[in-house]
Amino acid sequence: MAESDWDTVTVLRKKGPTAAQAKSKQAITAAQRRGEDVETTKKWSAGQNKQHLVTKNTAKLDRETEELHHDRVTLEVGKVIQQGRQDKGLTQKDLATKINEKPQVIADYECGRAIPNNQVMGKIERAIGLKLRGRDIGLPMEAKPKKK
């Protein structure tokens, strides 16, 4: 310990500038003055939560006024269901239990609020014996022989 000179300091390693200091405008201009190679790149939408590019089509979609909606059962079909059900002496609840559906489904079909489902329409057709699909809506279904 006696040999060490307190006036001299040995630097083993010099720490470089921190990331924030290296990115500052002052650090970049100082490095350019010293003649060092400085590469700067601008990050696109850095620090933002933009995952999708905004395109010209966005404005086109905003101007679009066409409203898309599902086709509903026509009132004609609803009246046929109601007439066929009443001719058989069934309530909406009776018809619903007969075809394993909820009573609300029958009510929706009768007043034209339901989105047509071929499976449900087929069940109702068989239960009331009237055609609900195709050209001859309301006509009695022909008895088809069962295929083996």
C-alpha atoms as a PDB file:
ATOM      1  CA  MET A   1       0.000   0.000   0.000  1.00  0.00           C
ATOM      2  CA  ALA A   2       2.879   2.339   0.661  1.00  0.00           C
ATOM      3  CA  GLU A   3       3.958   2.203  -2.987  1.00  0.00           C
ATOM      4  CA  SER A   4       0.697   3.404  -4.410  1.00  0.00           C
ATOM      5  CA  ASP A   5       0.637   6.977  -5.463  1.00  0.00           C
ATOM      6  CA  TRP A   6      -2.609   8.664  -4.627  1.00  0.00           C
ATOM      7  CA  ASP A   7      -2.147  11.312  -7.290  1.00  0.00           C
ATOM      8  CA  THR A   8      -2.184   8.982 -10.289  1.00  0.00           C
ATOM      9  CA  VAL A   9      -5.383   7.316 -11.349  1.00  0.00           C
ATOM     10  CA  THR A  10      -5.534   4.305 -13.646  1.00  0.00           C
ATOM     11  CA  VAL A  11      -8.689   3.938 -15.724  1.00  0.00           C
ATOM     12  CA  LEU A  12      -9.202   0.376 -16.771  1.00  0.00           C
ATOM     13  CA  ARG A  13     -12.272   0.879 -18.882  1.00  0.00           C
ATOM     14  CA  LYS A  14     -14.241   3.916 -19.889  1.00  0.00           C
ATOM     15  CA  LYS A  15     -17.995   3.559 -20.025  1.00  0.00           C
ATOM     16  CA  GLY A  16     -19.606   4.688 -23.233  1.00  0.00           C
ATOM     17  CA  PRO A  17     -22.608   6.961 -23.300  1.00  0.00           C
ATOM     18  CA  THR A  18     -25.898   5.540 -22.143  1.00  0.00           C
ATOM     19  CA  ALA A  19     -28.582   4.793 -24.674  1.00  0.00           C
ATOM     20  CA  ALA A  20     -30.455   8.002 -23.934  1.00  0.00           C
ATOM     21  CA  GLN A  21     -27.266  10.078 -24.209  1.00  0.00           C
ATOM     22  CA  ALA A  22     -26.226   8.368 -27.467  1.00  0.00           C
ATOM     23  CA  LYS A  23     -29.598   9.108 -29.043  1.00  0.00           C
ATOM     24  CA  SER A  24     -29.669  12.777 -28.082  1.00  0.00           C
ATOM     25  CA  LYS A  25     -29.276  15.435 -30.735  1.00  0.00           C
ATOM     26  CA  GLN A  26     -26.136  16.785 -28.998  1.00  0.00           C
ATOM     27  CA  ALA A  27     -24.419  13.392 -29.048  1.00  0.00           C
ATOM     28  CA  ILE A  28     -25.168  12.924 -32.746  1.00  0.00           C
ATOM     29  CA  THR A  29     -23.836  16.348 -33.739  1.00  0.00           C
ATOM     30  CA  ALA A  30     -20.729  15.887 -31.559  1.00  0.00           C
ATOM     31  CA  ALA A  31     -19.991  12.530 -33.205  1.00  0.00           C
ATOM     32  CA  GLN A  32     -20.458  14.079 -36.652  1.00  0.00           C
ATOM     33  CA  ARG A  33     -17.991  16.854 -35.761  1.00  0.00           C
ATOM     34  CA  ARG A  34     -15.405  14.299 -34.677  1.00  0.00           C
ATOM     35  CA  GLY A  35     -15.809  12.614 -38.064  1.00  0.00           C
ATOM     36  CA  GLU A  36     -17.306   9.396 -36.787  1.00  0.00           C
ATOM     37  CA  ASP A  37     -19.768   7.388 -38.845  1.00  0.00           C
ATOM     38  CA  VAL A  38     -23.258   8.083 -37.585  1.00  0.00           C
ATOM     39  CA  GLU A  39     -26.226   6.104 -38.791  1.00  0.00           C
ATOM     40  CA  THR A  40     -29.668   7.404 -37.973  1.00  0.00           C
ATOM     41  CA  THR A  41     -32.897   5.719 -38.916  1.00  0.00           C
ATOM     42  CA  LYS A  42     -36.393   6.999 -38.264  1.00  0.00           C
ATOM     43  CA  LYS A  43     -38.679   4.295 -36.956  1.00  0.00           C
ATOM     44  CA  TRP A  44     -42.131   4.300 -38.523  1.00  0.00           C
ATOM     45  CA  SER A  45     -44.903   4.772 -35.959  1.00  0.00           C
ATOM     46  CA  ALA A  46     -42.516   3.971 -33.131  1.00  0.00           C
ATOM     47  CA  GLY A  47     -44.032   3.818 -29.684  1.00  0.00           C
ATOM     48  CA  GLN A  48     -47.556   3.606 -30.980  1.00  0.00           C
ATOM     49  CA  ASN A  49     -49.939   0.715 -31.084  1.00  0.00           C
ATOM     50  CA  LYS A  50     -50.488   0.768 -34.821  1.00  0.00           C
ATOM     51  CA  GLN A  51     -50.559  -2.738 -36.162  1.00  0.00           C
ATOM     52  CA  HIS A  52     -52.238  -2.086 -39.475  1.00  0.00           C
ATOM     53  CA  LEU A  53     -51.350   0.353 -42.166  1.00  0.00           C
ATOM     54  CA  VAL A  54     -53.927   3.017 -42.873  1.00  0.00           C
ATOM     55  CA  THR A  55     -54.697   2.872 -46.553  1.00  0.00           C
ATOM     56  CA  LYS A  56     -56.701   4.886 -49.015  1.00  0.00           C
ATOM     57  CA  ASN A  57     -59.432   2.234 -48.847  1.00  0.00           C
ATOM     58  CA  THR A  58     -60.294   3.263 -45.289  1.00  0.00           C
ATOM     59  CA  ALA A  59     -61.842   6.516 -46.472  1.00  0.00           C
ATOM     60  CA  LYS A  60     -63.662   4.621 -49.205  1.00  0.00           C
ATOM     61  CA  LEU A  61     -65.115   2.233 -46.615  1.00  0.00           C
ATOM     62  CA  ASP A  62     -66.162   5.161 -44.430  1.00  0.00           C
ATOM     63  CA  ARG A  63     -68.092   6.683 -47.336  1.00  0.00           C
ATOM     64  CA  GLU A  64     -69.860   3.381 -47.999  1.00  0.00           C
ATOM     65  CA  THR A  65     -73.536   3.750 -47.166  1.00  0.00           C
ATOM     66  CA  GLU A  66     -74.936   0.361 -48.148  1.00  0.00           C
ATOM     67  CA  GLU A  67     -76.306  -1.449 -45.130  1.00  0.00           C
ATOM     68  CA  LEU A  68     -75.868  -5.206 -45.171  1.00  0.00           C
ATOM     69  CA  HIS A  69     -78.407  -7.392 -43.385  1.00  0.00           C
ATOM     70  CA  HIS A  70     -79.666 -10.962 -43.393  1.00  0.00           C
ATOM     71  CA  ASP A  71     -82.758 -11.924 -45.346  1.00  0.00           C
ATOM     72  CA  ARG A  72     -85.745 -12.656 -43.146  1.00  0.00           C
ATOM     73  CA  VAL A  73     -88.628 -15.072 -43.548  1.00  0.00           C
ATOM     74  CA  THR A  74     -91.347 -13.442 -45.661  1.00  0.00           C
ATOM     75  CA  LEU A  75     -94.706 -12.611 -44.135  1.00  0.00           C
ATOM     76  CA  GLU A  76     -96.322 -14.960 -46.663  1.00  0.00           C
ATOM     77  CA  VAL A  77     -94.398 -17.900 -45.154  1.00  0.00           C
ATOM     78  CA  GLY A  78     -95.327 -16.708 -41.657  1.00  0.00           C
ATOM     79  CA  LYS A  79     -99.023 -16.641 -42.560  1.00  0.00           C
ATOM     80  CA  VAL A  80     -98.785 -20.159 -44.070  1.00  0.00           C
ATOM     81  CA  ILE A  81     -97.162 -21.496 -40.881  1.00  0.00           C
ATOM     82  CA  GLN A  82     -99.809 -19.820 -38.733  1.00  0.00           C
ATOM     83  CA  GLN A  83    -102.702 -21.092 -40.909  1.00  0.00           C
ATOM     84  CA  GLY A  84    -101.300 -24.633 -41.062  1.00  0.00           C
ATOM     85  CA  ARG A  85    -100.729 -24.716 -37.313  1.00  0.00           C
ATOM     86  CA  GLN A  86    -104.274 -23.487 -36.575  1.00  0.00           C
ATOM     87  CA  ASP A  87    -105.780 -25.993 -39.050  1.00  0.00           C
ATOM     88  CA  LYS A  88    -104.075 -28.809 -37.118  1.00  0.00           C
ATOM     89  CA  GLY A  89    -105.348 -27.297 -33.827  1.00  0.00           C
ATOM     90  CA  LEU A  90    -101.835 -26.623 -32.471  1.00  0.00           C
ATOM     91  CA  THR A  91    -100.601 -23.697 -30.415  1.00  0.00           C
ATOM     92  CA  GLN A  92     -97.166 -22.205 -31.027  1.00  0.00           C
ATOM     93  CA  LYS A  93     -95.916 -24.082 -27.973  1.00  0.00           C
ATOM     94  CA  ASP A  94     -97.389 -27.409 -29.199  1.00  0.00           C
ATOM     95  CA  LEU A  95     -95.793 -26.992 -32.626  1.00  0.00           C
ATOM     96  CA  ALA A  96     -92.472 -26.062 -31.021  1.00  0.00           C
ATOM     97  CA  THR A  97     -92.419 -29.169 -28.829  1.00  0.00           C
ATOM     98  CA  LYS A  98     -93.424 -31.318 -31.797  1.00  0.00           C
ATOM     99  CA  ILE A  99     -90.375 -30.145 -33.818  1.00  0.00           C
ATOM    100  CA  ASN A 100     -88.011 -29.873 -30.801  1.00  0.00           C
ATOM    101  CA  GLU A 101     -87.577 -26.103 -30.987  1.00  0.00           C
ATOM    102  CA  LYS A 102     -88.349 -23.258 -28.588  1.00  0.00           C
ATOM    103  CA  PRO A 103     -91.765 -21.543 -28.823  1.00  0.00           C
ATOM    104  CA  GLN A 104     -89.977 -18.251 -29.544  1.00  0.00           C
ATOM    105  CA  VAL A 105     -88.607 -19.784 -32.785  1.00  0.00           C
ATOM    106  CA  ILE A 106     -92.138 -20.443 -34.025  1.00  0.00           C
ATOM    107  CA  ALA A 107     -93.230 -16.931 -33.011  1.00  0.00           C
ATOM    108  CA  ASP A 108     -90.259 -15.430 -34.901  1.00  0.00           C
ATOM    109  CA  TYR A 109     -91.043 -17.439 -38.045  1.00  0.00           C
ATOM    110  CA  GLU A 110     -94.724 -16.464 -37.949  1.00  0.00           C
ATOM    111  CA  CYS A 111     -94.122 -12.724 -37.615  1.00  0.00           C
ATOM    112  CA  GLY A 112     -91.210 -12.622 -40.116  1.00  0.00           C
ATOM    113  CA  ARG A 113     -88.355 -11.844 -37.704  1.00  0.00           C
ATOM    114  CA  ALA A 114     -86.500 -15.146 -38.146  1.00  0.00           C
ATOM    115  CA  ILE A 115     -83.532 -15.736 -40.437  1.00  0.00           C
ATOM    116  CA  PRO A 116     -84.572 -18.779 -42.498  1.00  0.00           C
ATOM    117  CA  ASN A 117     -82.916 -22.045 -41.513  1.00  0.00           C
ATOM    118  CA  ASN A 118     -83.556 -24.949 -43.888  1.00  0.00           C
ATOM    119  CA  GLN A 119     -83.441 -27.493 -41.084  1.00  0.00           C
ATOM    120  CA  VAL A 120     -86.111 -25.708 -39.028  1.00  0.00           C
ATOM    121  CA  MET A 121     -88.196 -24.967 -42.139  1.00  0.00           C
ATOM    122  CA  GLY A 122     -88.113 -28.682 -43.041  1.00  0.00           C
ATOM    123  CA  LYS A 123     -89.307 -29.659 -39.560  1.00  0.00           C
ATOM    124  CA  ILE A 124     -92.173 -27.142 -39.690  1.00  0.00           C
ATOM    125  CA  GLU A 125     -93.128 -28.332 -43.198  1.00  0.00           C
ATOM    126  CA  ARG A 126     -93.379 -31.953 -42.035  1.00  0.00           C
ATOM    127  CA  ALA A 127     -95.297 -30.986 -38.871  1.00  0.00           C
ATOM    128  CA  ILE A 128     -97.986 -28.874 -40.604  1.00  0.00           C
ATOM    129  CA  GLY A 129     -97.944 -30.715 -43.946  1.00  0.00           C
ATOM    130  CA  LEU A 130     -97.532 -27.568 -46.083  1.00  0.00           C
ATOM    131  CA  LYS A 131     -94.644 -26.453 -48.284  1.00  0.00           C
ATOM    132  CA  LEU A 132     -92.769 -23.376 -47.047  1.00  0.00           C
ATOM    133  CA  ARG A 133     -89.896 -23.289 -49.541  1.00  0.00           C
ATOM    134  CA  GLY A 134     -89.710 -23.050 -53.303  1.00  0.00           C
ATOM    135  CA  ARG A 135     -92.342 -21.836 -55.773  1.00  0.00           C
ATOM    136  CA  ASP A 136     -95.399 -23.579 -54.391  1.00  0.00           C
ATOM    137  CA  ILE A 137     -95.485 -22.112 -50.865  1.00  0.00           C
ATOM    138  CA  GLY A 138     -98.664 -23.042 -49.019  1.00  0.00           C
ATOM    139  CA  LEU A 139     -99.525 -26.111 -51.085  1.00  0.00           C
ATOM    140  CA  PRO A 140     -99.825 -29.496 -49.362  1.00  0.00           C
ATOM    141  CA  MET A 141     -96.709 -31.643 -49.400  1.00  0.00           C
ATOM    142  CA  GLU A 142     -96.835 -34.745 -51.610  1.00  0.00           C
ATOM    143  CA  ALA A 143     -96.300 -37.983 -49.781  1.00  0.00           C
ATOM    144  CA  LYS A 144     -92.971 -39.359 -50.942  1.00  0.00           C
ATOM    145  CA  PRO A 145     -92.272 -43.062 -50.580  1.00  0.00           C
ATOM    146  CA  LYS A 146     -89.463 -43.736 -48.128  1.00  0.00           C
ATOM    147  CA  LYS A 147     -86.224 -44.839 -49.768  1.00  0.00           C
ATOM    148  CA  LYS A 148     -84.408 -47.854 -48.417  1.00  0.00           C
END
